[in-house]
Amino acid sequence: DIRRNANSYKNVALPLKLGRDKPFSQWDESEFKREFSRKFNIPIECIHILSVRAGSQLIDLKLETHACGKKLIMPIQAIADKISNEKAKKELVEFGIFAMEFGLPEEGYKPTRPRIVMNPQFNREYGPGYTDWDGPLEDGKSRGGE
């Protein structure tokens, strides 16, 4: 749709979810942005990380067409072409990307959206054989609903 209707997309962001086969403990946002920019020839100022979750590295990001909502950096069609051509498919595999999902283009640059980086130290599996308990906990911590 982007390629057919490129003129309809002005000052937009292309949401992208990536699964990267790399330990979460090795996540480095600056390094990721530099490498992604270099491999796919997308200006680094177009790349905005929204959240990163453990489970390898699960990355939500937006590829912006404009800087600070004003100056055109790269048209949406050019961004889409750079990460979906045949050469890019090979680069994605070399970069450790095992899953990629595009969202629908949306209104562009929103500087107030908070970034979220989850800490895997607090990940828990609940249920029998994992973290499990019967009845209320008697540890003195408030969990609301008292």
N, C-alpha and C. Protein backbone atom coordinates (compact mmCIF):
# COMPACT_ATOMS: atom_id res chain seq x y z
N ASP A 1 0.82 -1.19 0.00
CA ASP A 1 0.00 0.00 0.00
C ASP A 1 0.87 1.26 0.00
N ILE A 2 1.98 1.25 0.74
CA ILE A 2 2.84 2.42 0.81
C ILE A 2 3.39 2.77 -0.56
N ARG A 3 3.85 1.77 -1.29
CA ARG A 3 4.43 2.04 -2.61
C ARG A 3 3.40 2.61 -3.57
N ARG A 4 2.17 2.11 -3.51
CA ARG A 4 1.13 2.58 -4.43
C ARG A 4 0.62 3.96 -4.05
N ASN A 5 0.64 4.30 -2.76
CA ASN A 5 0.07 5.56 -2.29
C ASN A 5 1.08 6.42 -1.55
N ALA A 6 2.32 6.42 -1.97
CA ALA A 6 3.39 7.14 -1.26
C ALA A 6 3.07 8.61 -1.05
N ASN A 7 2.39 9.25 -2.00
CA ASN A 7 2.10 10.67 -1.86
C ASN A 7 1.11 10.97 -0.74
N SER A 8 0.36 9.96 -0.27
CA SER A 8 -0.60 10.19 0.82
C SER A 8 0.08 10.20 2.18
N TYR A 9 1.32 9.74 2.25
CA TYR A 9 2.01 9.61 3.52
C TYR A 9 3.02 10.74 3.68
N LYS A 10 2.63 11.77 4.38
CA LYS A 10 3.51 12.90 4.66
C LYS A 10 3.72 12.97 6.16
N ASN A 11 4.93 13.19 6.61
CA ASN A 11 5.28 13.27 8.02
C ASN A 11 4.65 12.10 8.79
N VAL A 12 5.07 10.91 8.43
CA VAL A 12 4.53 9.71 9.06
C VAL A 12 5.64 8.88 9.68
N ALA A 13 5.21 7.91 10.45
CA ALA A 13 6.13 6.95 11.05
C ALA A 13 5.68 5.55 10.65
N LEU A 14 6.62 4.72 10.35
CA LEU A 14 6.34 3.35 9.96
C LEU A 14 6.67 2.46 11.17
N PRO A 15 5.64 1.98 11.91
CA PRO A 15 5.91 1.11 13.06
C PRO A 15 6.49 -0.23 12.60
N LEU A 16 7.41 -0.73 13.39
CA LEU A 16 8.09 -1.96 13.03
C LEU A 16 8.40 -2.74 14.31
N LYS A 17 8.08 -4.02 14.31
CA LYS A 17 8.43 -4.90 15.43
C LYS A 17 9.47 -5.87 14.91
N LEU A 18 10.55 -6.01 15.66
CA LEU A 18 11.63 -6.90 15.27
C LEU A 18 11.91 -7.89 16.38
N GLY A 19 12.21 -9.12 16.01
CA GLY A 19 12.74 -10.12 16.92
C GLY A 19 14.18 -10.34 16.52
N ARG A 20 15.09 -10.12 17.44
CA ARG A 20 16.52 -10.24 17.14
C ARG A 20 17.14 -11.33 18.00
N ASP A 21 17.85 -12.25 17.38
CA ASP A 21 18.45 -13.38 18.05
C ASP A 21 19.76 -12.96 18.71
N LYS A 22 19.62 -12.22 19.81
CA LYS A 22 20.77 -11.77 20.58
C LYS A 22 20.31 -11.67 22.03
N PRO A 23 21.16 -12.03 22.99
CA PRO A 23 20.74 -11.96 24.39
C PRO A 23 20.31 -10.55 24.79
N PHE A 24 19.25 -10.46 25.57
CA PHE A 24 18.76 -9.17 26.03
C PHE A 24 19.84 -8.43 26.81
N SER A 25 20.65 -9.17 27.55
CA SER A 25 21.71 -8.54 28.36
C SER A 25 22.72 -7.79 27.51
N GLN A 26 22.76 -8.08 26.21
CA GLN A 26 23.71 -7.39 25.32
C GLN A 26 23.07 -6.21 24.57
N TRP A 27 21.84 -5.83 24.94
CA TRP A 27 21.16 -4.73 24.26
C TRP A 27 21.93 -3.42 24.46
N ASP A 28 22.20 -2.74 23.37
CA ASP A 28 22.84 -1.43 23.38
C ASP A 28 22.13 -0.60 22.30
N GLU A 29 21.30 0.32 22.74
CA GLU A 29 20.47 1.07 21.80
C GLU A 29 21.31 1.84 20.77
N SER A 30 22.35 2.51 21.23
CA SER A 30 23.18 3.30 20.30
C SER A 30 23.81 2.41 19.24
N GLU A 31 24.34 1.26 19.68
CA GLU A 31 24.96 0.33 18.74
C GLU A 31 23.93 -0.20 17.75
N PHE A 32 22.74 -0.57 18.26
CA PHE A 32 21.68 -1.08 17.38
C PHE A 32 21.33 -0.04 16.31
N LYS A 33 21.12 1.20 16.73
CA LYS A 33 20.73 2.25 15.78
C LYS A 33 21.82 2.50 14.74
N ARG A 34 23.07 2.51 15.19
CA ARG A 34 24.19 2.71 14.24
C ARG A 34 24.24 1.59 13.21
N GLU A 35 24.16 0.33 13.70
CA GLU A 35 24.25 -0.82 12.80
C GLU A 35 23.04 -0.89 11.86
N PHE A 36 21.84 -0.66 12.40
CA PHE A 36 20.63 -0.68 11.57
C PHE A 36 20.72 0.40 10.49
N SER A 37 21.17 1.56 10.89
CA SER A 37 21.32 2.69 9.95
C SER A 37 22.33 2.34 8.85
N ARG A 38 23.45 1.78 9.25
CA ARG A 38 24.51 1.43 8.28
C ARG A 38 24.07 0.32 7.34
N LYS A 39 23.49 -0.74 7.89
CA LYS A 39 23.11 -1.88 7.06
C LYS A 39 22.00 -1.56 6.06
N PHE A 40 21.04 -0.72 6.46
CA PHE A 40 19.88 -0.47 5.60
C PHE A 40 19.87 0.93 4.99
N ASN A 41 20.97 1.67 5.23
CA ASN A 41 21.12 3.00 4.64
C ASN A 41 19.92 3.90 4.96
N ILE A 42 19.51 3.86 6.21
CA ILE A 42 18.43 4.72 6.71
C ILE A 42 19.07 5.67 7.72
N PRO A 43 18.88 6.97 7.56
CA PRO A 43 19.50 7.93 8.49
C PRO A 43 19.15 7.60 9.94
N ILE A 44 20.14 7.71 10.81
CA ILE A 44 19.95 7.34 12.21
C ILE A 44 18.86 8.18 12.87
N GLU A 45 18.68 9.43 12.42
CA GLU A 45 17.65 10.27 13.03
C GLU A 45 16.23 9.82 12.66
N CYS A 46 16.09 8.88 11.74
CA CYS A 46 14.77 8.31 11.40
C CYS A 46 14.38 7.18 12.36
N ILE A 47 15.34 6.64 13.10
CA ILE A 47 15.11 5.44 13.90
C ILE A 47 14.80 5.82 15.35
N HIS A 48 13.59 5.47 15.81
CA HIS A 48 13.18 5.78 17.18
C HIS A 48 12.75 4.49 17.86
N ILE A 49 13.52 4.10 18.89
CA ILE A 49 13.21 2.90 19.65
C ILE A 49 12.11 3.24 20.66
N LEU A 50 11.05 2.46 20.66
CA LEU A 50 9.93 2.68 21.59
C LEU A 50 10.02 1.78 22.81
N SER A 51 10.35 0.51 22.58
CA SER A 51 10.50 -0.41 23.70
C SER A 51 11.35 -1.59 23.29
N VAL A 52 11.93 -2.22 24.30
CA VAL A 52 12.74 -3.43 24.09
C VAL A 52 12.36 -4.38 25.21
N ARG A 53 12.07 -5.62 24.84
CA ARG A 53 11.70 -6.63 25.82
C ARG A 53 12.62 -7.84 25.69
N ALA A 54 12.73 -8.56 26.78
CA ALA A 54 13.53 -9.78 26.77
C ALA A 54 12.79 -10.88 26.04
N GLY A 55 13.51 -11.90 25.70
CA GLY A 55 13.01 -13.01 24.90
C GLY A 55 13.82 -12.88 23.62
N SER A 56 15.13 -13.03 23.73
CA SER A 56 16.11 -12.52 22.78
C SER A 56 16.00 -11.00 22.92
N GLN A 57 15.87 -10.29 21.82
CA GLN A 57 15.62 -8.84 21.88
C GLN A 57 14.37 -8.59 21.05
N LEU A 58 13.29 -8.20 21.69
CA LEU A 58 12.03 -7.89 21.01
C LEU A 58 11.91 -6.38 20.98
N ILE A 59 12.04 -5.82 19.79
CA ILE A 59 12.21 -4.37 19.64
C ILE A 59 11.01 -3.77 18.92
N ASP A 60 10.40 -2.76 19.53
CA ASP A 60 9.36 -1.97 18.89
C ASP A 60 10.01 -0.64 18.51
N LEU A 61 9.91 -0.28 17.26
CA LEU A 61 10.50 0.97 16.83
C LEU A 61 9.64 1.63 15.77
N LYS A 62 9.98 2.87 15.48
CA LYS A 62 9.33 3.60 14.39
C LYS A 62 10.40 4.16 13.50
N LEU A 63 10.15 4.08 12.22
CA LEU A 63 11.03 4.71 11.24
C LEU A 63 10.30 5.97 10.79
N GLU A 64 10.84 7.13 11.17
CA GLU A 64 10.20 8.42 10.91
C GLU A 64 10.64 8.98 9.56
N THR A 65 9.75 9.72 8.93
CA THR A 65 10.10 10.38 7.66
C THR A 65 10.64 11.79 7.89
N HIS A 66 10.31 12.40 9.01
CA HIS A 66 10.69 13.79 9.28
C HIS A 66 11.40 13.90 10.62
N ALA A 67 12.30 14.87 10.74
CA ALA A 67 12.98 15.15 12.00
C ALA A 67 12.15 16.19 12.74
N CYS A 68 11.84 15.93 13.99
CA CYS A 68 11.08 16.86 14.83
C CYS A 68 9.80 17.32 14.16
N GLY A 69 9.24 16.51 13.27
CA GLY A 69 7.98 16.83 12.64
C GLY A 69 8.06 17.86 11.54
N LYS A 70 9.25 18.31 11.19
CA LYS A 70 9.36 19.41 10.22
C LYS A 70 10.15 19.02 8.97
N LYS A 71 11.43 18.78 9.14
CA LYS A 71 12.32 18.58 7.99
C LYS A 71 12.22 17.14 7.46
N LEU A 72 11.93 17.01 6.16
CA LEU A 72 11.87 15.69 5.52
C LEU A 72 13.27 15.09 5.51
N ILE A 73 13.37 13.90 6.05
CA ILE A 73 14.65 13.19 6.05
C ILE A 73 14.66 12.19 4.90
N MET A 74 13.59 11.39 4.84
CA MET A 74 13.52 10.34 3.83
C MET A 74 12.06 10.01 3.57
N PRO A 75 11.62 9.97 2.32
CA PRO A 75 10.23 9.62 2.03
C PRO A 75 9.90 8.20 2.50
N ILE A 76 8.65 7.99 2.87
CA ILE A 76 8.20 6.70 3.39
C ILE A 76 8.45 5.56 2.40
N GLN A 77 8.28 5.84 1.11
CA GLN A 77 8.50 4.79 0.11
C GLN A 77 9.96 4.35 0.12
N ALA A 78 10.88 5.31 0.26
CA ALA A 78 12.30 4.97 0.28
C ALA A 78 12.63 4.12 1.51
N ILE A 79 12.04 4.45 2.66
CA ILE A 79 12.27 3.65 3.87
C ILE A 79 11.77 2.23 3.67
N ALA A 80 10.55 2.10 3.17
CA ALA A 80 9.96 0.77 2.94
C ALA A 80 10.80 -0.04 1.96
N ASP A 81 11.27 0.61 0.90
CA ASP A 81 12.09 -0.08 -0.10
C ASP A 81 13.41 -0.57 0.48
N LYS A 82 14.02 0.22 1.36
CA LYS A 82 15.34 -0.12 1.89
C LYS A 82 15.32 -1.33 2.82
N ILE A 83 14.18 -1.60 3.46
CA ILE A 83 14.15 -2.74 4.38
C ILE A 83 13.33 -3.91 3.85
N SER A 84 12.86 -3.81 2.61
CA SER A 84 12.07 -4.94 2.07
C SER A 84 12.60 -5.46 0.74
N ASN A 85 13.74 -4.97 0.27
CA ASN A 85 14.27 -5.49 -0.99
C ASN A 85 15.07 -6.78 -0.75
N GLU A 86 15.51 -7.41 -1.82
CA GLU A 86 16.21 -8.70 -1.70
C GLU A 86 17.50 -8.59 -0.91
N LYS A 87 18.28 -7.53 -1.14
CA LYS A 87 19.53 -7.35 -0.40
C LYS A 87 19.23 -7.20 1.08
N ALA A 88 18.16 -6.46 1.41
CA ALA A 88 17.80 -6.23 2.81
C ALA A 88 17.43 -7.54 3.51
N LYS A 89 16.80 -8.45 2.80
CA LYS A 89 16.42 -9.72 3.42
C LYS A 89 17.65 -10.48 3.91
N LYS A 90 18.70 -10.46 3.10
CA LYS A 90 19.96 -11.11 3.49
C LYS A 90 20.58 -10.36 4.68
N GLU A 91 20.56 -9.03 4.63
CA GLU A 91 21.11 -8.22 5.71
C GLU A 91 20.36 -8.45 7.02
N LEU A 92 19.04 -8.60 6.95
CA LEU A 92 18.24 -8.85 8.15
C LEU A 92 18.68 -10.14 8.83
N VAL A 93 18.89 -11.18 8.05
CA VAL A 93 19.34 -12.46 8.61
C VAL A 93 20.72 -12.30 9.24
N GLU A 94 21.62 -11.62 8.55
CA GLU A 94 22.97 -11.41 9.10
C GLU A 94 22.94 -10.56 10.37
N PHE A 95 21.97 -9.67 10.47
CA PHE A 95 21.82 -8.79 11.63
C PHE A 95 21.15 -9.53 12.80
N GLY A 96 20.72 -10.76 12.57
CA GLY A 96 20.11 -11.58 13.62
C GLY A 96 18.61 -11.41 13.73
N ILE A 97 17.97 -10.80 12.74
CA ILE A 97 16.53 -10.59 12.79
C ILE A 97 15.83 -11.88 12.38
N PHE A 98 15.01 -12.44 13.28
CA PHE A 98 14.28 -13.67 12.95
C PHE A 98 12.80 -13.41 12.75
N ALA A 99 12.33 -12.21 13.09
CA ALA A 99 10.92 -11.87 12.88
C ALA A 99 10.81 -10.38 12.62
N MET A 100 9.94 -10.00 11.69
CA MET A 100 9.74 -8.59 11.38
C MET A 100 8.28 -8.39 11.01
N GLU A 101 7.65 -7.39 11.62
CA GLU A 101 6.25 -7.10 11.33
C GLU A 101 6.07 -5.60 11.20
N PHE A 102 5.54 -5.18 10.05
CA PHE A 102 5.24 -3.77 9.83
C PHE A 102 3.87 -3.45 10.37
N GLY A 103 3.73 -2.28 10.99
CA GLY A 103 2.42 -1.77 11.37
C GLY A 103 1.95 -0.81 10.28
N LEU A 104 0.74 -0.30 10.42
CA LEU A 104 0.24 0.68 9.47
C LEU A 104 0.91 2.02 9.73
N PRO A 105 1.27 2.76 8.68
CA PRO A 105 1.86 4.09 8.89
C PRO A 105 0.92 4.94 9.74
N GLU A 106 1.52 5.75 10.61
CA GLU A 106 0.73 6.60 11.47
C GLU A 106 1.32 8.00 11.51
N GLU A 107 0.58 8.90 12.13
CA GLU A 107 1.04 10.28 12.24
C GLU A 107 2.47 10.27 12.76
N GLY A 108 3.27 11.17 12.20
CA GLY A 108 4.71 11.17 12.48
C GLY A 108 5.13 11.59 13.87
N TYR A 109 6.28 12.11 13.94
CA TYR A 109 7.05 12.43 15.13
C TYR A 109 6.22 12.84 16.34
N LYS A 110 6.33 12.07 17.43
CA LYS A 110 5.65 12.38 18.69
C LYS A 110 6.70 12.31 19.80
N PRO A 111 7.35 13.43 20.08
CA PRO A 111 8.47 13.41 21.03
C PRO A 111 8.07 13.10 22.48
N THR A 112 6.78 13.16 22.83
CA THR A 112 6.40 12.96 24.22
C THR A 112 6.10 11.51 24.56
N ARG A 113 6.09 10.62 23.59
CA ARG A 113 5.80 9.22 23.88
C ARG A 113 6.93 8.61 24.73
N PRO A 114 6.59 8.00 25.86
CA PRO A 114 7.65 7.44 26.72
C PRO A 114 8.25 6.17 26.11
N ARG A 115 9.53 5.98 26.38
CA ARG A 115 10.21 4.75 25.97
C ARG A 115 10.12 3.76 27.11
N ILE A 116 10.06 2.49 26.78
CA ILE A 116 9.95 1.45 27.80
C ILE A 116 11.03 0.41 27.52
N VAL A 117 11.86 0.15 28.52
CA VAL A 117 12.81 -0.95 28.44
C VAL A 117 12.54 -1.82 29.66
N MET A 118 12.06 -3.02 29.40
CA MET A 118 11.70 -3.93 30.48
C MET A 118 12.96 -4.60 31.05
N ASN A 119 12.97 -4.84 32.34
CA ASN A 119 14.10 -5.48 33.00
C ASN A 119 13.82 -6.96 33.17
N PRO A 120 14.56 -7.83 32.48
CA PRO A 120 14.28 -9.27 32.55
C PRO A 120 14.53 -9.86 33.94
N GLN A 121 15.24 -9.15 34.80
CA GLN A 121 15.49 -9.61 36.16
C GLN A 121 14.17 -9.85 36.90
N PHE A 122 13.12 -9.12 36.50
CA PHE A 122 11.85 -9.24 37.20
C PHE A 122 10.84 -10.12 36.46
N ASN A 123 11.25 -10.76 35.37
CA ASN A 123 10.35 -11.67 34.66
C ASN A 123 10.11 -12.92 35.52
N ARG A 124 8.89 -13.35 35.60
CA ARG A 124 8.55 -14.54 36.37
C ARG A 124 7.54 -15.38 35.60
N GLU A 125 7.62 -16.69 35.78
CA GLU A 125 6.57 -17.57 35.29
C GLU A 125 5.79 -18.01 36.51
N TYR A 126 4.47 -17.92 36.41
CA TYR A 126 3.62 -18.26 37.54
C TYR A 126 2.86 -19.54 37.28
N GLY A 127 2.65 -20.29 38.34
CA GLY A 127 1.91 -21.53 38.24
C GLY A 127 2.66 -22.67 38.90
N PRO A 128 2.05 -23.85 38.99
CA PRO A 128 2.70 -25.00 39.61
C PRO A 128 4.06 -25.29 38.94
N GLY A 129 5.06 -25.47 39.77
CA GLY A 129 6.40 -25.75 39.27
C GLY A 129 7.21 -24.48 39.04
N TYR A 130 6.59 -23.33 39.16
CA TYR A 130 7.28 -22.04 39.00
C TYR A 130 6.99 -21.22 40.26
N THR A 131 6.82 -19.93 40.12
CA THR A 131 6.44 -19.09 41.24
C THR A 131 4.96 -19.37 41.53
N ASP A 132 4.68 -19.90 42.71
CA ASP A 132 3.32 -20.33 43.02
C ASP A 132 3.10 -20.23 44.52
N TRP A 133 1.88 -19.92 44.96
CA TRP A 133 1.54 -19.87 46.37
C TRP A 133 0.05 -20.07 46.54
N ASP A 134 -0.33 -20.44 47.74
CA ASP A 134 -1.75 -20.59 48.09
C ASP A 134 -2.10 -19.50 49.10
N GLY A 135 -3.22 -18.84 48.91
CA GLY A 135 -3.70 -17.84 49.87
C GLY A 135 -2.90 -16.56 49.84
N PRO A 136 -3.24 -15.64 50.76
CA PRO A 136 -2.54 -14.34 50.79
C PRO A 136 -1.10 -14.50 51.27
N LEU A 137 -0.24 -13.66 50.77
CA LEU A 137 1.16 -13.66 51.22
C LEU A 137 1.26 -12.90 52.53
N GLU A 138 2.06 -13.37 53.43
CA GLU A 138 2.23 -12.74 54.75
C GLU A 138 3.62 -12.12 54.82
N ASP A 139 3.97 -11.29 53.81
CA ASP A 139 5.31 -10.70 53.81
C ASP A 139 5.30 -9.21 54.15
N GLY A 140 4.12 -8.65 54.52
CA GLY A 140 4.03 -7.25 54.91
C GLY A 140 4.01 -6.26 53.78
N LYS A 141 4.08 -6.72 52.52
CA LYS A 141 4.08 -5.79 51.39
C LYS A 141 2.65 -5.53 50.94
N SER A 142 2.36 -4.25 50.66
CA SER A 142 1.04 -3.89 50.18
C SER A 142 0.95 -4.19 48.68
N ARG A 143 -0.12 -4.87 48.31
CA ARG A 143 -0.34 -5.17 46.90
C ARG A 143 -1.67 -4.58 46.45
N GLY A 144 -2.17 -3.60 47.21
CA GLY A 144 -3.44 -2.97 46.87
C GLY A 144 -4.60 -3.89 47.19
N GLY A 145 -5.80 -3.39 47.08
CA GLY A 145 -6.98 -4.22 47.26
C GLY A 145 -7.22 -4.69 48.68
N GLU A 146 -6.49 -4.12 49.68
CA GLU A 146 -6.71 -4.54 51.06
C GLU A 146 -8.02 -3.98 51.56
